[in-house]
Protein backbone atom coordinates (compact mmCIF):
# COMPACT_ATOMS: atom_id res chain seq x y z
CA UNK A 1 109.77 -41.72 -9.37
CA UNK A 2 106.02 -41.81 -9.26
CA UNK A 3 106.15 -44.93 -7.09
CA UNK A 4 108.64 -43.29 -4.72
CA UNK A 5 106.52 -40.13 -4.49
CA UNK A 6 103.47 -42.27 -3.84
CA UNK A 7 105.23 -44.11 -1.01
CA UNK A 8 106.38 -40.83 0.54
CA UNK A 9 102.81 -39.46 0.32
CA UNK A 10 101.41 -42.54 2.03
CA UNK A 11 104.02 -42.28 4.79
CA UNK A 12 103.25 -38.59 5.33
CA UNK A 13 99.52 -39.31 5.48
CA UNK A 14 100.07 -42.12 7.97
CA UNK A 15 102.29 -39.88 10.16
CA UNK A 16 99.67 -37.11 10.05
CA UNK A 17 96.91 -39.52 11.08
CA UNK A 18 99.10 -40.81 13.91
CA UNK A 19 99.71 -37.27 15.18
CA UNK A 20 95.98 -36.51 15.00
CA UNK A 21 95.18 -39.73 16.84
CA UNK A 22 97.72 -38.88 19.54
CA UNK A 23 96.28 -35.35 19.91
CA UNK A 24 92.74 -36.72 20.18
CA UNK A 25 93.88 -39.33 22.69
CA UNK A 26 95.73 -36.65 24.70
CA UNK A 27 92.65 -34.44 24.73
CA UNK A 28 90.46 -37.33 25.86
CA UNK A 29 92.91 -38.25 28.63
CA UNK A 30 93.01 -34.61 29.78
CA UNK A 31 89.22 -34.48 29.70
CA UNK A 32 88.93 -37.70 31.69
CA UNK A 33 91.45 -36.45 34.25
CA UNK A 34 89.44 -33.24 34.60
CA UNK A 35 86.22 -35.17 35.09
CA UNK A 36 87.91 -37.49 37.56
CA UNK A 37 89.36 -34.52 39.47
CA UNK A 38 85.97 -32.79 39.53
CA UNK A 39 84.36 -36.00 40.72
CA UNK A 40 86.91 -36.40 43.51
CA UNK A 41 86.50 -32.75 44.50
CA UNK A 42 82.72 -33.13 44.51
CA UNK A 43 82.97 -36.32 46.54
CA UNK A 44 85.30 -34.64 49.02
CA UNK A 45 82.87 -31.74 49.33
CA UNK A 46 79.98 -34.12 50.01
CA UNK A 47 82.05 -36.06 52.54
CA UNK A 48 83.13 -32.79 54.17
CA UNK A 49 79.54 -31.55 54.30
CA UNK A 50 78.40 -34.86 55.79
CA UNK A 51 81.17 -34.65 58.37
CA UNK A 52 80.25 -31.06 59.27
CA UNK A 53 76.56 -31.99 59.46
CA UNK A 54 77.31 -34.95 61.70
CA UNK A 55 79.47 -32.75 63.91
CA UNK A 56 76.77 -30.06 64.10
CA UNK A 57 74.16 -32.66 65.02
CA UNK A 58 76.46 -34.09 67.67
CA UNK A 59 77.04 -30.60 69.11
CA UNK A 60 73.29 -29.91 69.14
CA UNK A 61 72.70 -33.19 70.96
CA UNK A 62 75.32 -32.33 73.54
CA UNK A 63 73.85 -28.85 74.08
CA UNK A 64 70.33 -30.24 74.52
CA UNK A 65 71.49 -33.01 76.82
CA UNK A 66 70.62 -35.79 74.36
CA UNK A 67 73.20 -38.57 74.09
CA UNK A 68 74.72 -38.69 70.63
CA UNK A 69 74.71 -41.81 68.46
CA UNK A 70 78.38 -42.21 69.30
CA UNK A 71 77.62 -42.18 73.02
CA UNK A 72 74.72 -44.57 72.58
CA UNK A 73 76.97 -47.16 71.00
CA UNK A 74 79.75 -46.73 73.54
CA UNK A 75 80.19 -49.23 76.32
CA UNK A 76 78.15 -48.42 79.41
CA UNK A 77 79.57 -48.56 82.92
CA UNK A 78 77.58 -49.63 85.98
CA UNK A 79 77.50 -47.44 89.09
CA UNK A 80 75.12 -46.59 91.92
CA UNK A 81 72.98 -43.48 92.28
CA UNK A 82 71.82 -42.58 95.78
CA UNK A 83 68.74 -40.39 96.14
CA UNK A 84 66.66 -39.86 99.26
CA UNK A 85 68.30 -42.87 100.99
CA UNK A 86 67.39 -45.10 98.04
CA UNK A 87 70.00 -46.79 95.85
CA UNK A 88 69.60 -47.24 92.11
CA UNK A 89 71.78 -49.38 89.84
CA UNK A 90 72.50 -47.34 86.72
CA UNK A 91 74.44 -48.17 83.55
CA UNK A 92 75.57 -45.18 81.48
CA UNK A 93 78.53 -44.19 79.26
CA UNK A 94 81.27 -42.40 81.18
CA UNK A 95 81.78 -40.07 78.21
CA UNK A 96 78.29 -38.63 78.81
CA UNK A 97 77.89 -35.29 80.54
CA UNK A 98 76.26 -34.61 83.90
CA UNK A 99 73.37 -32.96 82.03
CA UNK A 100 72.79 -36.15 80.02
CA UNK A 101 72.86 -38.17 83.23
CA UNK A 102 70.24 -35.86 84.78
CA UNK A 103 67.95 -36.36 81.79
CA UNK A 104 68.39 -40.12 82.16
CA UNK A 105 67.69 -40.04 85.90
CA UNK A 106 64.56 -37.88 85.90
CA UNK A 107 62.37 -40.84 84.90
CA UNK A 108 64.12 -43.13 87.38
CA UNK A 109 64.00 -41.02 90.54
CA UNK A 110 61.07 -38.76 89.59
CA UNK A 111 62.94 -35.48 89.99
CA UNK A 112 62.88 -33.03 87.04
CA UNK A 113 66.30 -32.49 85.47
CA UNK A 114 66.30 -28.78 86.36
CA UNK A 115 65.71 -29.56 90.05
CA UNK A 116 68.54 -32.10 90.41
CA UNK A 117 71.95 -31.55 91.96
CA UNK A 118 74.52 -34.24 91.18
CA UNK A 119 77.24 -34.64 93.78
CA UNK A 120 80.55 -36.16 92.64
CA UNK A 121 83.32 -34.98 94.96
CA UNK A 122 81.24 -31.83 95.39
CA UNK A 123 78.63 -30.24 93.13
CA UNK A 124 79.16 -31.48 89.55
CA UNK A 125 78.82 -29.00 86.67
CA UNK A 126 76.44 -29.92 83.86
CA UNK A 127 79.04 -29.74 81.07
CA UNK A 128 81.58 -32.08 82.72
CA UNK A 129 81.73 -35.73 81.66
CA UNK A 130 81.50 -38.55 84.17
CA UNK A 131 84.96 -39.71 83.12
CA UNK A 132 86.43 -36.25 83.78
CA UNK A 133 84.90 -36.32 87.24
CA UNK A 134 86.57 -39.65 88.02
CA UNK A 135 83.51 -41.92 87.91
CA UNK A 136 84.44 -45.60 87.54
CA UNK A 137 82.64 -48.93 87.71
CA UNK A 138 80.89 -49.38 91.05
CA UNK A 139 81.18 -45.69 91.99
CA UNK A 140 78.51 -44.00 94.11
CA UNK A 141 76.87 -40.78 92.90
CA UNK A 142 74.59 -38.77 95.16
CA UNK A 143 71.65 -36.79 93.78
CA UNK A 144 69.63 -34.23 95.74
CA UNK A 145 66.53 -32.35 94.64
CA UNK A 146 62.83 -31.92 95.30
CA UNK A 147 60.10 -33.77 93.48
CA UNK A 148 57.35 -31.55 92.13
CA UNK A 149 54.87 -33.35 94.40
CA UNK A 150 56.94 -32.32 97.43
CA UNK A 151 56.78 -28.67 96.40
CA UNK A 152 53.04 -28.88 95.90
CA UNK A 153 52.59 -30.56 99.28
CA UNK A 154 53.79 -27.36 100.95
CA UNK A 155 51.09 -25.26 99.32
CA UNK A 156 48.27 -27.61 98.31
CA UNK A 157 45.02 -26.46 99.94
CA UNK A 158 42.98 -28.79 102.13
CA UNK A 159 39.64 -30.13 100.95
CA UNK A 160 37.92 -27.50 103.09
CA UNK A 161 39.99 -24.75 101.49
CA UNK A 162 39.17 -26.09 98.03
CA UNK A 163 35.46 -26.11 98.83
CA UNK A 164 35.64 -22.54 100.09
CA UNK A 165 37.62 -21.46 97.04
CA UNK A 166 35.13 -23.13 94.68
CA UNK A 167 32.23 -21.36 96.38
CA UNK A 168 34.11 -18.05 96.17
CA UNK A 169 34.73 -18.54 92.45
CA UNK A 170 31.04 -19.15 91.84
CA UNK A 171 30.18 -15.90 93.61
CA UNK A 172 33.19 -14.11 92.04
CA UNK A 173 34.40 -13.10 95.47
CA UNK A 174 37.82 -11.36 95.46
CA UNK A 175 40.75 -13.37 96.78
CA UNK A 176 41.24 -11.07 99.76
CA UNK A 177 37.67 -11.73 101.00
CA UNK A 178 37.84 -15.50 100.75
CA UNK A 179 38.04 -17.30 104.07
CA UNK A 180 41.09 -19.39 103.13
CA UNK A 181 43.08 -16.23 102.38
CA UNK A 182 41.75 -14.17 105.29
CA UNK A 183 43.52 -16.60 107.63
CA UNK A 184 46.83 -15.22 106.38
CA UNK A 185 45.85 -11.63 105.62
CA UNK A 186 44.32 -11.02 109.05
CA UNK A 187 47.79 -11.35 110.56
CA UNK A 188 48.66 -8.04 108.90
CA UNK A 189 51.55 -6.89 106.74
CA UNK A 190 54.77 -8.69 107.74
CA UNK A 191 57.30 -6.52 109.56
CA UNK A 192 59.97 -7.30 106.96
CA UNK A 193 57.73 -6.88 103.90
CA UNK A 194 59.32 -4.94 101.06
CA UNK A 195 57.69 -1.55 100.38
CA UNK A 196 54.83 -1.83 97.89
CA UNK A 197 53.95 0.91 95.40
CA UNK A 198 50.60 0.90 93.62
CA UNK A 199 50.06 2.26 90.09
CA UNK A 200 53.73 1.64 89.27
CA UNK A 201 55.42 -1.02 87.16
CA UNK A 202 59.05 -1.93 87.77
CA UNK A 203 61.32 -4.62 86.39
CA UNK A 204 62.48 -7.52 88.50
CA UNK A 205 65.02 -6.44 91.12
CA UNK A 206 68.55 -7.86 91.15
CA UNK A 207 67.86 -9.27 94.63
CA UNK A 208 65.22 -11.73 95.92
CA UNK A 209 61.70 -10.45 96.54
CA UNK A 210 61.31 -11.24 100.23
CA UNK A 211 59.09 -10.54 103.25
CA UNK A 212 56.10 -12.42 101.78
CA UNK A 213 54.04 -15.28 103.26
CA UNK A 214 52.76 -18.67 102.05
CA UNK A 215 49.36 -20.20 102.89
CA UNK A 216 50.68 -21.45 106.24
CA UNK A 217 51.86 -17.98 107.23
CA UNK A 218 55.52 -18.92 106.75
CA UNK A 219 58.04 -16.50 105.27
CA UNK A 220 58.63 -16.81 101.49
CA UNK A 221 61.08 -15.21 99.10
CA UNK A 222 61.16 -15.44 95.29
CA UNK A 223 64.48 -15.39 93.45
CA UNK A 224 64.40 -15.17 89.66
CA UNK A 225 67.31 -16.90 87.92
CA UNK A 226 66.61 -15.78 84.36
CA UNK A 227 69.88 -17.25 83.06
CA UNK A 228 68.68 -20.67 84.28
CA UNK A 229 65.02 -20.07 83.37
CA UNK A 230 64.11 -20.85 86.99
CA UNK A 231 62.29 -19.23 89.89
CA UNK A 232 63.51 -20.24 93.34
CA UNK A 233 60.85 -20.46 96.05
CA UNK A 234 62.65 -20.11 99.36
CA UNK A 235 61.31 -20.74 102.84
CA UNK A 236 63.00 -21.17 106.20
CA UNK A 237 63.11 -24.92 105.67
CA UNK A 238 63.96 -25.30 101.98
CA UNK A 239 64.58 -23.75 98.58
CA UNK A 240 62.77 -25.25 95.59
CA UNK A 241 64.12 -24.48 92.12
CA UNK A 242 61.17 -24.46 89.73
CA UNK A 243 61.64 -24.40 85.93
CA UNK A 244 59.61 -21.46 84.66
CA UNK A 245 58.26 -23.47 81.73
CA UNK A 246 56.64 -25.88 84.22
CA UNK A 247 54.49 -23.10 85.71
CA UNK A 248 51.14 -23.24 83.91
CA UNK A 249 49.69 -19.92 85.00
CA UNK A 250 50.14 -16.92 87.29
CA UNK A 251 47.16 -15.05 88.77
CA UNK A 252 47.05 -12.13 91.17
CA UNK A 253 44.71 -9.61 92.74
CA UNK A 254 45.33 -6.46 94.74
CA UNK A 255 44.54 -6.67 98.46
CA UNK A 256 41.68 -4.35 99.38
CA UNK A 257 42.75 -1.43 101.60
CA UNK A 258 46.36 -2.41 100.85
CA UNK A 259 46.41 -2.08 97.06
CA UNK A 260 50.18 -1.64 97.13
CA UNK A 261 50.33 -5.41 97.72
CA UNK A 262 48.88 -8.41 95.87
CA UNK A 263 47.88 -12.00 96.51
CA UNK A 264 49.57 -14.13 93.85
CA UNK A 265 49.28 -17.80 92.86
CA UNK A 266 51.80 -19.79 90.82
CA UNK A 267 50.08 -22.79 89.24
CA UNK A 268 52.71 -25.54 89.41
CA UNK A 269 50.55 -28.36 88.08
CA UNK A 270 47.82 -28.96 85.49
CA UNK A 271 44.91 -27.85 87.70
CA UNK A 272 44.10 -24.93 89.97
CA UNK A 273 44.45 -27.28 92.94
CA UNK A 274 48.23 -27.05 92.42
CA UNK A 275 48.41 -23.31 93.02
CA UNK A 276 51.22 -22.05 95.25
CA UNK A 277 49.83 -18.99 97.06
CA UNK A 278 52.04 -16.04 97.97
CA UNK A 279 50.78 -13.08 100.02
CA UNK A 280 51.96 -9.47 100.25
CA UNK A 281 53.68 -9.34 96.87
CA UNK A 282 54.77 -5.72 96.15
CA UNK A 283 52.42 -4.39 93.46
CA UNK A 284 55.18 -2.79 91.37
CA UNK A 285 56.73 -6.21 90.62
CA UNK A 286 53.55 -8.14 89.72
CA UNK A 287 53.65 -7.48 85.97
CA UNK A 288 57.39 -8.22 85.79
CA UNK A 289 56.87 -11.56 87.58
CA UNK A 290 54.12 -12.58 85.14
CA UNK A 291 56.19 -11.47 82.17
CA UNK A 292 59.26 -13.41 83.35
CA UNK A 293 57.31 -16.64 83.89
CA UNK A 294 54.69 -16.55 81.12
CA UNK A 295 56.37 -14.34 78.53
CA UNK A 296 54.72 -11.18 77.26
CA UNK A 297 51.44 -12.09 78.94
CA UNK A 298 49.80 -8.70 78.41
CA UNK A 299 49.64 -9.04 74.59
């Protein structure tokens, strides 16, 4: 009997140990599965975050006109760009936008991106891709636009004017008394000049500021395209679209005996020699013009 009881006790103990071992093993398996699941979830989150980050970066590149890494590795297609009767062989991905093409072309043709117009079966919008516009290998794309040097050529003073201006600066002579400006002012207020109001500040009008003159006595109008961050300088012959951030400075002075009008200069280049002079600017808009171009200049 004792031997039988002993055998039964050993069997019970063995069964109990087996059950405990199975429970421990089950717990470990469950634990491992949980860790594995957490690891997979974490990995998925990282992958998802990386994907989102890559997508955000790609979107930022597209918005800023910078070709994305994907575009850079895509096969480029050769086509011709025609500007000012000159032909340029260009290779560029067809999945790129018109804005990206403009950025690429500005160093090739010497026209700032903001001053380019790309013509593909009509005026091409910046957000359209070349493929969407039907560009294929060997296609011809026309670009129009003014170089900054061309704009400056219209208003750049002669050497005599520069000498007179330098002498006037040394003597602190007002603009309206300087010989180079008297040539324009002595012609009188233009018949179509907008009414000027002194001692009053108004915001920019919704229409062009017109009836003004340039240094040659030609008619000038200024149109402010705030949504494009551009000021359009229009004459009888042409309209130049100038990025506001390319204008280095804006100076003005009231015209003596006609204080309701100002002489104003937009500095389009790095030196004062690149000033674009505008005469008979209505006084009430002077501060708004400076603020639009230079920011809150009065602070």
